[in-house]
């Protein structure tokens, strides 16, 4: 999976994860284009263990893809039934205070 951690002073961090086949694709949701870019999701593949570790400590999480969402489900962070489908691809966001 691709993983990128975005850090903002005083704002915590956003962990962005997507399945490898989605990187640099644009999904369509109605009239809206949803880009899955290296700029947001990273430019290198990481292991599932690296993703798990990043998700455990994230303030905010942005996930795209079946494997990324499934991993978050296994950690109890996401309920797959509540995920959005964008162009038939599962998407979830998690916000922790």
PDB file of N, CA and C in Angstrom:
ATOM      1  N   UNK A   1       0.837  -1.167   0.000  1.00  0.00           N
ATOM      2  CA  UNK A   1       0.000   0.000   0.000  1.00  0.00           C
ATOM      3  C   UNK A   1       0.888   1.239   0.000  1.00  0.00           C
ATOM      4  N   UNK A   2       0.323   2.328  -0.442  1.00  0.00           N
ATOM      5  CA  UNK A   2       1.010   3.609  -0.378  1.00  0.00           C
ATOM      6  C   UNK A   2       0.602   4.301   0.906  1.00  0.00           C
ATOM      7  N   UNK A   3       1.546   4.983   1.533  1.00  0.00           N
ATOM      8  CA  UNK A   3       1.321   5.639   2.811  1.00  0.00           C
ATOM      9  C   UNK A   3       2.080   6.951   2.841  1.00  0.00           C
ATOM     10  N   UNK A   4       1.399   7.985   3.314  1.00  0.00           N
ATOM     11  CA  UNK A   4       2.069   9.257   3.552  1.00  0.00           C
ATOM     12  C   UNK A   4       1.486   9.860   4.824  1.00  0.00           C
ATOM     13  N   UNK A   5       2.366  10.384   5.664  1.00  0.00           N
ATOM     14  CA  UNK A   5       1.937  11.040   6.899  1.00  0.00           C
ATOM     15  C   UNK A   5       2.132  12.533   6.717  1.00  0.00           C
ATOM     16  N   UNK A   6       1.033  13.267   6.851  1.00  0.00           N
ATOM     17  CA  UNK A   6       1.048  14.730   6.750  1.00  0.00           C
ATOM     18  C   UNK A   6       1.007  15.286   8.168  1.00  0.00           C
ATOM     19  N   UNK A   7       1.973  16.123   8.488  1.00  0.00           N
ATOM     20  CA  UNK A   7       2.035  16.708   9.831  1.00  0.00           C
ATOM     21  C   UNK A   7       1.812  18.215   9.747  1.00  0.00           C
ATOM     22  N   UNK A   8       0.981  18.722  10.660  1.00  0.00           N
ATOM     23  CA  UNK A   8       0.732  20.163  10.731  1.00  0.00           C
ATOM     24  C   UNK A   8       0.910  20.581  12.190  1.00  0.00           C
ATOM     25  N   UNK A   9       1.631  21.639  12.405  1.00  0.00           N
ATOM     26  CA  UNK A   9       1.881  22.105  13.774  1.00  0.00           C
ATOM     27  C   UNK A   9       0.582  22.302  14.532  1.00  0.00           C
ATOM     28  N   UNK A  10       0.507  21.685  15.687  1.00  0.00           N
ATOM     29  CA  UNK A  10      -0.645  21.857  16.554  1.00  0.00           C
ATOM     30  C   UNK A  10      -1.923  21.214  16.038  1.00  0.00           C
ATOM     31  N   UNK A  11      -1.872  20.562  14.912  1.00  0.00           N
ATOM     32  CA  UNK A  11      -3.074  19.984  14.301  1.00  0.00           C
ATOM     33  C   UNK A  11      -3.055  18.464  14.315  1.00  0.00           C
ATOM     34  N   UNK A  12      -1.996  17.855  14.818  1.00  0.00           N
ATOM     35  CA  UNK A  12      -1.882  16.405  14.747  1.00  0.00           C
ATOM     36  C   UNK A  12      -1.387  16.000  13.374  1.00  0.00           C
ATOM     37  N   UNK A  13      -1.738  14.801  12.972  1.00  0.00           N
ATOM     38  CA  UNK A  13      -1.279  14.322  11.679  1.00  0.00           C
ATOM     39  C   UNK A  13      -2.410  13.648  10.923  1.00  0.00           C
ATOM     40  N   UNK A  14      -2.268  13.636   9.616  1.00  0.00           N
ATOM     41  CA  UNK A  14      -3.199  12.916   8.750  1.00  0.00           C
ATOM     42  C   UNK A  14      -2.403  11.791   8.103  1.00  0.00           C
ATOM     43  N   UNK A  15      -2.873  10.576   8.293  1.00  0.00           N
ATOM     44  CA  UNK A  15      -2.265   9.420   7.662  1.00  0.00           C
ATOM     45  C   UNK A  15      -3.126   9.064   6.451  1.00  0.00           C
ATOM     46  N   UNK A  16      -2.505   9.104   5.274  1.00  0.00           N
ATOM     47  CA  UNK A  16      -3.199   8.794   4.021  1.00  0.00           C
ATOM     48  C   UNK A  16      -2.689   7.452   3.510  1.00  0.00           C
ATOM     49  N   UNK A  17      -3.617   6.531   3.206  1.00  0.00           N
ATOM     50  CA  UNK A  17      -3.265   5.188   2.749  1.00  0.00           C
ATOM     51  C   UNK A  17      -4.155   4.822   1.574  1.00  0.00           C
ATOM     52  N   UNK A  18      -3.543   4.235   0.538  1.00  0.00           N
ATOM     53  CA  UNK A  18      -4.348   3.724  -0.575  1.00  0.00           C
ATOM     54  C   UNK A  18      -3.742   2.435  -1.121  1.00  0.00           C
ATOM     55  N   UNK A  19      -4.583   1.639  -1.735  1.00  0.00           N
ATOM     56  CA  UNK A  19      -4.144   0.414  -2.394  1.00  0.00           C
ATOM     57  C   UNK A  19      -3.275   0.766  -3.593  1.00  0.00           C
ATOM     58  N   UNK A  20      -2.287  -0.061  -3.904  1.00  0.00           N
ATOM     59  CA  UNK A  20      -1.325   0.284  -4.961  1.00  0.00           C
ATOM     60  C   UNK A  20      -1.922   0.495  -6.341  1.00  0.00           C
ATOM     61  N   UNK A  21      -2.954  -0.235  -6.685  1.00  0.00           N
ATOM     62  CA  UNK A  21      -3.523  -0.099  -8.031  1.00  0.00           C
ATOM     63  C   UNK A  21      -4.285   1.216  -8.227  1.00  0.00           C
ATOM     64  N   UNK A  22      -4.484   1.961  -7.136  1.00  0.00           N
ATOM     65  CA  UNK A  22      -5.230   3.220  -7.224  1.00  0.00           C
ATOM     66  C   UNK A  22      -4.342   4.443  -7.415  1.00  0.00           C
ATOM     67  N   UNK A  23      -3.050   4.312  -7.120  1.00  0.00           N
ATOM     68  CA  UNK A  23      -2.187   5.489  -7.143  1.00  0.00           C
ATOM     69  C   UNK A  23      -2.159   6.116  -8.543  1.00  0.00           C
ATOM     70  N   UNK A  24      -2.284   7.424  -8.547  1.00  0.00           N
ATOM     71  CA  UNK A  24      -2.300   8.237  -9.774  1.00  0.00           C
ATOM     72  C   UNK A  24      -3.492   7.959 -10.684  1.00  0.00           C
ATOM     73  N   UNK A  25      -4.562   7.441 -10.111  1.00  0.00           N
ATOM     74  CA  UNK A  25      -5.824   7.298 -10.846  1.00  0.00           C
ATOM     75  C   UNK A  25      -6.771   8.401 -10.399  1.00  0.00           C
ATOM     76  N   UNK A  26      -7.743   8.677 -11.213  1.00  0.00           N
ATOM     77  CA  UNK A  26      -8.804   9.604 -10.841  1.00  0.00           C
ATOM     78  C   UNK A  26     -10.109   8.833 -10.861  1.00  0.00           C
ATOM     79  N   UNK A  27     -10.785   8.814  -9.727  1.00  0.00           N
ATOM     80  CA  UNK A  27     -12.078   8.157  -9.610  1.00  0.00           C
ATOM     81  C   UNK A  27     -13.161   9.197  -9.856  1.00  0.00           C
ATOM     82  N   UNK A  28     -14.336   8.723 -10.160  1.00  0.00           N
ATOM     83  CA  UNK A  28     -15.452   9.618 -10.472  1.00  0.00           C
ATOM     84  C   UNK A  28     -16.583   9.352  -9.490  1.00  0.00           C
ATOM     85  N   UNK A  29     -17.111  10.424  -8.897  1.00  0.00           N
ATOM     86  CA  UNK A  29     -18.259  10.326  -7.997  1.00  0.00           C
ATOM     87  C   UNK A  29     -19.287  11.345  -8.469  1.00  0.00           C
ATOM     88  N   UNK A  30     -20.255  10.879  -9.236  1.00  0.00           N
ATOM     89  CA  UNK A  30     -21.205  11.808  -9.847  1.00  0.00           C
ATOM     90  C   UNK A  30     -20.471  12.700 -10.818  1.00  0.00           C
ATOM     91  N   UNK A  31     -20.563  13.999 -10.592  1.00  0.00           N
ATOM     92  CA  UNK A  31     -19.878  14.975 -11.441  1.00  0.00           C
ATOM     93  C   UNK A  31     -18.519  15.390 -10.886  1.00  0.00           C
ATOM     94  N   UNK A  32     -18.067  14.723  -9.831  1.00  0.00           N
ATOM     95  CA  UNK A  32     -16.832  15.129  -9.151  1.00  0.00           C
ATOM     96  C   UNK A  32     -15.710  14.136  -9.446  1.00  0.00           C
ATOM     97  N   UNK A  33     -14.547  14.664  -9.828  1.00  0.00           N
ATOM     98  CA  UNK A  33     -13.350  13.851  -9.992  1.00  0.00           C
ATOM     99  C   UNK A  33     -12.627  13.768  -8.650  1.00  0.00           C
ATOM    100  N   UNK A  34     -12.182  12.563  -8.296  1.00  0.00           N
ATOM    101  CA  UNK A  34     -11.472  12.338  -7.038  1.00  0.00           C
ATOM    102  C   UNK A  34     -10.091  11.771  -7.382  1.00  0.00           C
ATOM    103  N   UNK A  35      -9.055  12.628  -7.373  1.00  0.00           N
ATOM    104  CA  UNK A  35      -7.715  12.146  -7.717  1.00  0.00           C
ATOM    105  C   UNK A  35      -7.071  11.396  -6.550  1.00  0.00           C
ATOM    106  N   UNK A  36      -6.402  10.301  -6.876  1.00  0.00           N
ATOM    107  CA  UNK A  36      -5.636   9.530  -5.898  1.00  0.00           C
ATOM    108  C   UNK A  36      -4.167   9.744  -6.275  1.00  0.00           C
ATOM    109  N   UNK A  37      -3.553  10.763  -5.713  1.00  0.00           N
ATOM    110  CA  UNK A  37      -2.239  11.213  -6.189  1.00  0.00           C
ATOM    111  C   UNK A  37      -1.104  10.828  -5.241  1.00  0.00           C
ATOM    112  N   UNK A  38       0.096  10.719  -5.826  1.00  0.00           N
ATOM    113  CA  UNK A  38       1.300  10.495  -5.029  1.00  0.00           C
ATOM    114  C   UNK A  38       1.528  11.650  -4.067  1.00  0.00           C
ATOM    115  N   UNK A  39       1.129  12.838  -4.470  1.00  0.00           N
ATOM    116  CA  UNK A  39       1.309  13.999  -3.610  1.00  0.00           C
ATOM    117  C   UNK A  39       0.611  13.845  -2.272  1.00  0.00           C
ATOM    118  N   UNK A  40      -0.519  13.164  -2.258  1.00  0.00           N
ATOM    119  CA  UNK A  40      -1.264  12.989  -1.019  1.00  0.00           C
ATOM    120  C   UNK A  40      -1.024  11.624  -0.389  1.00  0.00           C
ATOM    121  N   UNK A  41      -0.953  10.567  -1.194  1.00  0.00           N
ATOM    122  CA  UNK A  41      -0.854   9.199  -0.676  1.00  0.00           C
ATOM    123  C   UNK A  41       0.574   8.654  -0.650  1.00  0.00           C
ATOM    124  N   UNK A  42       1.543   9.404  -1.145  1.00  0.00           N
ATOM    125  CA  UNK A  42       2.925   8.976  -1.083  1.00  0.00           C
ATOM    126  C   UNK A  42       3.419   8.381  -2.384  1.00  0.00           C
ATOM    127  N   UNK A  43       4.734   8.217  -2.441  1.00  0.00           N
ATOM    128  CA  UNK A  43       5.343   7.740  -3.680  1.00  0.00           C
ATOM    129  C   UNK A  43       6.130   6.450  -3.498  1.00  0.00           C
ATOM    130  N   UNK A  44       5.893   5.778  -2.366  1.00  0.00           N
ATOM    131  CA  UNK A  44       6.573   4.495  -2.170  1.00  0.00           C
ATOM    132  C   UNK A  44       5.638   3.507  -1.478  1.00  0.00           C
ATOM    133  N   UNK A  45       5.819   2.248  -1.837  1.00  0.00           N
ATOM    134  CA  UNK A  45       5.035   1.186  -1.215  1.00  0.00           C
ATOM    135  C   UNK A  45       5.598   0.863   0.163  1.00  0.00           C
ATOM    136  N   UNK A  46       4.697   0.549   1.091  1.00  0.00           N
ATOM    137  CA  UNK A  46       5.104   0.164   2.439  1.00  0.00           C
ATOM    138  C   UNK A  46       4.423  -1.156   2.797  1.00  0.00           C
ATOM    139  N   UNK A  47       4.893  -1.771   3.868  1.00  0.00           N
ATOM    140  CA  UNK A  47       4.323  -3.037   4.309  1.00  0.00           C
ATOM    141  C   UNK A  47       3.032  -2.802   5.097  1.00  0.00           C
ATOM    142  N   UNK A  48       2.258  -3.868   5.256  1.00  0.00           N
ATOM    143  CA  UNK A  48       1.046  -3.770   6.070  1.00  0.00           C
ATOM    144  C   UNK A  48       1.388  -3.438   7.515  1.00  0.00           C
ATOM    145  N   UNK A  49       2.509  -3.940   8.002  1.00  0.00           N
ATOM    146  CA  UNK A  49       2.915  -3.622   9.373  1.00  0.00           C
ATOM    147  C   UNK A  49       3.196  -2.131   9.539  1.00  0.00           C
ATOM    148  N   UNK A  50       3.809  -1.515   8.537  1.00  0.00           N
ATOM    149  CA  UNK A  50       4.058  -0.066   8.594  1.00  0.00           C
ATOM    150  C   UNK A  50       2.733   0.700   8.589  1.00  0.00           C
ATOM    151  N   UNK A  51       1.776   0.239   7.802  1.00  0.00           N
ATOM    152  CA  UNK A  51       0.467   0.885   7.768  1.00  0.00           C
ATOM    153  C   UNK A  51      -0.222   0.726   9.119  1.00  0.00           C
ATOM    154  N   UNK A  52      -0.216  -0.475   9.660  1.00  0.00           N
ATOM    155  CA  UNK A  52      -0.843  -0.702  10.970  1.00  0.00           C
ATOM    156  C   UNK A  52      -0.273   0.252  12.025  1.00  0.00           C
ATOM    157  N   UNK A  53       1.048   0.354  12.066  1.00  0.00           N
ATOM    158  CA  UNK A  53       1.696   1.199  13.069  1.00  0.00           C
ATOM    159  C   UNK A  53       1.290   2.667  12.892  1.00  0.00           C
ATOM    160  N   UNK A  54       1.265   3.138  11.663  1.00  0.00           N
ATOM    161  CA  UNK A  54       0.875   4.528  11.400  1.00  0.00           C
ATOM    162  C   UNK A  54      -0.583   4.772  11.782  1.00  0.00           C
ATOM    163  N   UNK A  55      -1.460   3.824  11.475  1.00  0.00           N
ATOM    164  CA  UNK A  55      -2.885   3.992  11.790  1.00  0.00           C
ATOM    165  C   UNK A  55      -3.141   4.016  13.286  1.00  0.00           C
ATOM    166  N   UNK A  56      -2.391   3.245  14.037  1.00  0.00           N
ATOM    167  CA  UNK A  56      -2.587   3.186  15.495  1.00  0.00           C
ATOM    168  C   UNK A  56      -2.386   4.547  16.151  1.00  0.00           C
ATOM    169  N   UNK A  57      -1.512   5.373  15.590  1.00  0.00           N
ATOM    170  CA  UNK A  57      -1.142   6.630  16.233  1.00  0.00           C
ATOM    171  C   UNK A  57      -1.693   7.868  15.533  1.00  0.00           C
ATOM    172  N   UNK A  58      -2.491   7.681  14.510  1.00  0.00           N
ATOM    173  CA  UNK A  58      -2.954   8.807  13.698  1.00  0.00           C
ATOM    174  C   UNK A  58      -4.091   9.574  14.361  1.00  0.00           C
ATOM    175  N   UNK A  59      -4.045  10.895  14.213  1.00  0.00           N
ATOM    176  CA  UNK A  59      -5.155  11.748  14.646  1.00  0.00           C
ATOM    177  C   UNK A  59      -6.287  11.688  13.641  1.00  0.00           C
ATOM    178  N   UNK A  60      -5.891  11.694  12.370  1.00  0.00           N
ATOM    179  CA  UNK A  60      -6.857  11.658  11.267  1.00  0.00           C
ATOM    180  C   UNK A  60      -6.350  10.664  10.231  1.00  0.00           C
ATOM    181  N   UNK A  61      -7.297   9.969   9.597  1.00  0.00           N
ATOM    182  CA  UNK A  61      -6.938   8.923   8.640  1.00  0.00           C
ATOM    183  C   UNK A  61      -7.783   9.085   7.387  1.00  0.00           C
ATOM    184  N   UNK A  62      -7.153   8.918   6.234  1.00  0.00           N
ATOM    185  CA  UNK A  62      -7.837   8.952   4.947  1.00  0.00           C
ATOM    186  C   UNK A  62      -7.446   7.678   4.210  1.00  0.00           C
ATOM    187  N   UNK A  63      -8.435   6.850   3.875  1.00  0.00           N
ATOM    188  CA  UNK A  63      -8.194   5.535   3.278  1.00  0.00           C
ATOM    189  C   UNK A  63      -8.922   5.382   1.952  1.00  0.00           C
ATOM    190  N   UNK A  64      -8.237   4.781   0.982  1.00  0.00           N
ATOM    191  CA  UNK A  64      -8.864   4.424  -0.284  1.00  0.00           C
ATOM    192  C   UNK A  64      -8.443   3.023  -0.667  1.00  0.00           C
ATOM    193  N   UNK A  65      -9.427   2.188  -0.985  1.00  0.00           N
ATOM    194  CA  UNK A  65      -9.147   0.843  -1.477  1.00  0.00           C
ATOM    195  C   UNK A  65      -9.597  -0.242  -0.521  1.00  0.00           C
ATOM    196  N   UNK A  66      -9.865  -1.407  -1.082  1.00  0.00           N
ATOM    197  CA  UNK A  66     -10.376  -2.533  -0.290  1.00  0.00           C
ATOM    198  C   UNK A  66      -9.383  -2.986   0.778  1.00  0.00           C
ATOM    199  N   UNK A  67      -8.111  -3.116   0.422  1.00  0.00           N
ATOM    200  CA  UNK A  67      -7.123  -3.588   1.400  1.00  0.00           C
ATOM    201  C   UNK A  67      -6.877  -2.554   2.485  1.00  0.00           C
ATOM    202  N   UNK A  68      -6.779  -1.295   2.113  1.00  0.00           N
ATOM    203  CA  UNK A  68      -6.552  -0.238   3.101  1.00  0.00           C
ATOM    204  C   UNK A  68      -7.707  -0.173   4.094  1.00  0.00           C
ATOM    205  N   UNK A  69      -8.929  -0.213   3.590  1.00  0.00           N
ATOM    206  CA  UNK A  69     -10.107  -0.168   4.463  1.00  0.00           C
ATOM    207  C   UNK A  69     -10.185  -1.428   5.322  1.00  0.00           C
ATOM    208  N   UNK A  70      -9.900  -2.587   4.738  1.00  0.00           N
ATOM    209  CA  UNK A  70      -9.949  -3.841   5.495  1.00  0.00           C
ATOM    210  C   UNK A  70      -8.965  -3.829   6.653  1.00  0.00           C
ATOM    211  N   UNK A  71      -7.791  -3.300   6.431  1.00  0.00           N
ATOM    212  CA  UNK A  71      -6.781  -3.206   7.483  1.00  0.00           C
ATOM    213  C   UNK A  71      -7.289  -2.341   8.632  1.00  0.00           C
ATOM    214  N   UNK A  72      -7.898  -1.209   8.304  1.00  0.00           N
ATOM    215  CA  UNK A  72      -8.470  -0.335   9.339  1.00  0.00           C
ATOM    216  C   UNK A  72      -9.618  -1.027  10.065  1.00  0.00           C
ATOM    217  N   UNK A  73     -10.399  -1.831   9.354  1.00  0.00           N
ATOM    218  CA  UNK A  73     -11.472  -2.605   9.987  1.00  0.00           C
ATOM    219  C   UNK A  73     -10.895  -3.598  10.994  1.00  0.00           C
ATOM    220  N   UNK A  74      -9.824  -4.275  10.602  1.00  0.00           N
ATOM    221  CA  UNK A  74      -9.183  -5.242  11.493  1.00  0.00           C
ATOM    222  C   UNK A  74      -8.682  -4.586  12.772  1.00  0.00           C
ATOM    223  N   UNK A  75      -8.296  -3.324  12.690  1.00  0.00           N
ATOM    224  CA  UNK A  75      -7.828  -2.582  13.866  1.00  0.00           C
ATOM    225  C   UNK A  75      -8.972  -1.955  14.661  1.00  0.00           C
ATOM    226  N   UNK A  76     -10.199  -2.122  14.190  1.00  0.00           N
ATOM    227  CA  UNK A  76     -11.359  -1.570  14.877  1.00  0.00           C
ATOM    228  C   UNK A  76     -11.548  -0.077  14.668  1.00  0.00           C
ATOM    229  N   UNK A  77     -10.939   0.470  13.630  1.00  0.00           N
ATOM    230  CA  UNK A  77     -11.028   1.904  13.371  1.00  0.00           C
ATOM    231  C   UNK A  77     -12.180   2.275  12.444  1.00  0.00           C
ATOM    232  N   UNK A  78     -12.625   1.327  11.639  1.00  0.00           N
ATOM    233  CA  UNK A  78     -13.625   1.584  10.600  1.00  0.00           C
ATOM    234  C   UNK A  78     -14.628   0.436  10.577  1.00  0.00           C
ATOM    235  N   UNK A  79     -15.863   0.772  10.324  1.00  0.00           N
ATOM    236  CA  UNK A  79     -16.900  -0.231  10.065  1.00  0.00           C
ATOM    237  C   UNK A  79     -17.129  -0.226   8.560  1.00  0.00           C
ATOM    238  N   UNK A  80     -16.785  -1.306   7.899  1.00  0.00           N
ATOM    239  CA  UNK A  80     -16.846  -1.346   6.436  1.00  0.00           C
ATOM    240  C   UNK A  80     -18.240  -1.007   5.905  1.00  0.00           C
ATOM    241  N   UNK A  81     -19.269  -1.327   6.652  1.00  0.00           N
ATOM    242  CA  UNK A  81     -20.635  -1.046   6.212  1.00  0.00           C
ATOM    243  C   UNK A  81     -20.905   0.458   6.124  1.00  0.00           C
ATOM    244  N   UNK A  82     -20.102   1.264   6.809  1.00  0.00           N
ATOM    245  CA  UNK A  82     -20.303   2.712   6.815  1.00  0.00           C
ATOM    246  C   UNK A  82     -19.388   3.455   5.839  1.00  0.00           C
ATOM    247  N   UNK A  83     -18.602   2.729   5.072  1.00  0.00           N
ATOM    248  CA  UNK A  83     -17.688   3.355   4.115  1.00  0.00           C
ATOM    249  C   UNK A  83     -18.436   3.849   2.883  1.00  0.00           C
ATOM    250  N   UNK A  84     -17.906   4.885   2.289  1.00  0.00           N
ATOM    251  CA  UNK A  84     -18.417   5.367   1.014  1.00  0.00           C
ATOM    252  C   UNK A  84     -17.847   4.517  -0.101  1.00  0.00           C
ATOM    253  N   UNK A  85     -18.592   4.373  -1.172  1.00  0.00           N
ATOM    254  CA  UNK A  85     -18.057   3.771  -2.389  1.00  0.00           C
ATOM    255  C   UNK A  85     -17.934   4.883  -3.412  1.00  0.00           C
ATOM    256  N   UNK A  86     -16.733   5.106  -3.870  1.00  0.00           N
ATOM    257  CA  UNK A  86     -16.490   6.110  -4.898  1.00  0.00           C
ATOM    258  C   UNK A  86     -15.965   5.369  -6.110  1.00  0.00           C
ATOM    259  N   UNK A  87     -16.755   5.347  -7.163  1.00  0.00           N
ATOM    260  CA  UNK A  87     -16.399   4.592  -8.366  1.00  0.00           C
ATOM    261  C   UNK A  87     -16.154   3.124  -8.008  1.00  0.00           C
ATOM    262  N   UNK A  88     -16.995   2.595  -7.106  1.00  0.00           N
ATOM    263  CA  UNK A  88     -16.939   1.209  -6.625  1.00  0.00           C
ATOM    264  C   UNK A  88     -15.718   0.901  -5.758  1.00  0.00           C
ATOM    265  N   UNK A  89     -15.009   1.924  -5.304  1.00  0.00           N
ATOM    266  CA  UNK A  89     -13.823   1.752  -4.460  1.00  0.00           C
ATOM    267  C   UNK A  89     -14.161   2.241  -3.050  1.00  0.00           C
ATOM    268  N   UNK A  90     -13.941   1.410  -2.012  1.00  0.00           N
ATOM    269  CA  UNK A  90     -14.217   1.844  -0.645  1.00  0.00           C
ATOM    270  C   UNK A  90     -13.318   3.010  -0.215  1.00  0.00           C
ATOM    271  N   UNK A  91     -13.941   3.946   0.493  1.00  0.00           N
ATOM    272  CA  UNK A  91     -13.234   5.127   1.016  1.00  0.00           C
ATOM    273  C   UNK A  91     -13.729   5.373   2.433  1.00  0.00           C
ATOM    274  N   UNK A  92     -12.791   5.682   3.315  1.00  0.00           N
ATOM    275  CA  UNK A  92     -13.169   5.991   4.705  1.00  0.00           C
ATOM    276  C   UNK A  92     -12.260   7.088   5.240  1.00  0.00           C
ATOM    277  N   UNK A  93     -12.825   7.869   6.147  1.00  0.00           N
ATOM    278  CA  UNK A  93     -12.060   8.875   6.866  1.00  0.00           C
ATOM    279  C   UNK A  93     -12.339   8.692   8.349  1.00  0.00           C
ATOM    280  N   UNK A  94     -11.303   8.835   9.152  1.00  0.00           N
ATOM    281  CA  UNK A  94     -11.413   8.696  10.601  1.00  0.00           C
ATOM    282  C   UNK A  94     -10.842   9.961  11.212  1.00  0.00           C
ATOM    283  N   UNK A  95     -11.570  10.530  12.176  1.00  0.00           N
ATOM    284  CA  UNK A  95     -11.115  11.715  12.900  1.00  0.00           C
ATOM    285  C   UNK A  95     -11.117  11.397  14.381  1.00  0.00           C
ATOM    286  N   UNK A  96      -9.989  11.591  15.013  1.00  0.00           N
ATOM    287  CA  UNK A  96      -9.883  11.370  16.452  1.00  0.00           C
ATOM    288  C   UNK A  96      -9.539  12.693  17.114  1.00  0.00           C
ATOM    289  N   UNK A  97     -10.180  12.947  18.225  1.00  0.00           N
ATOM    290  CA  UNK A  97      -9.893  14.176  18.977  1.00  0.00           C
ATOM    291  C   UNK A  97      -8.917  13.905  20.086  1.00  0.00           C
TER     292      UNK A  97
END
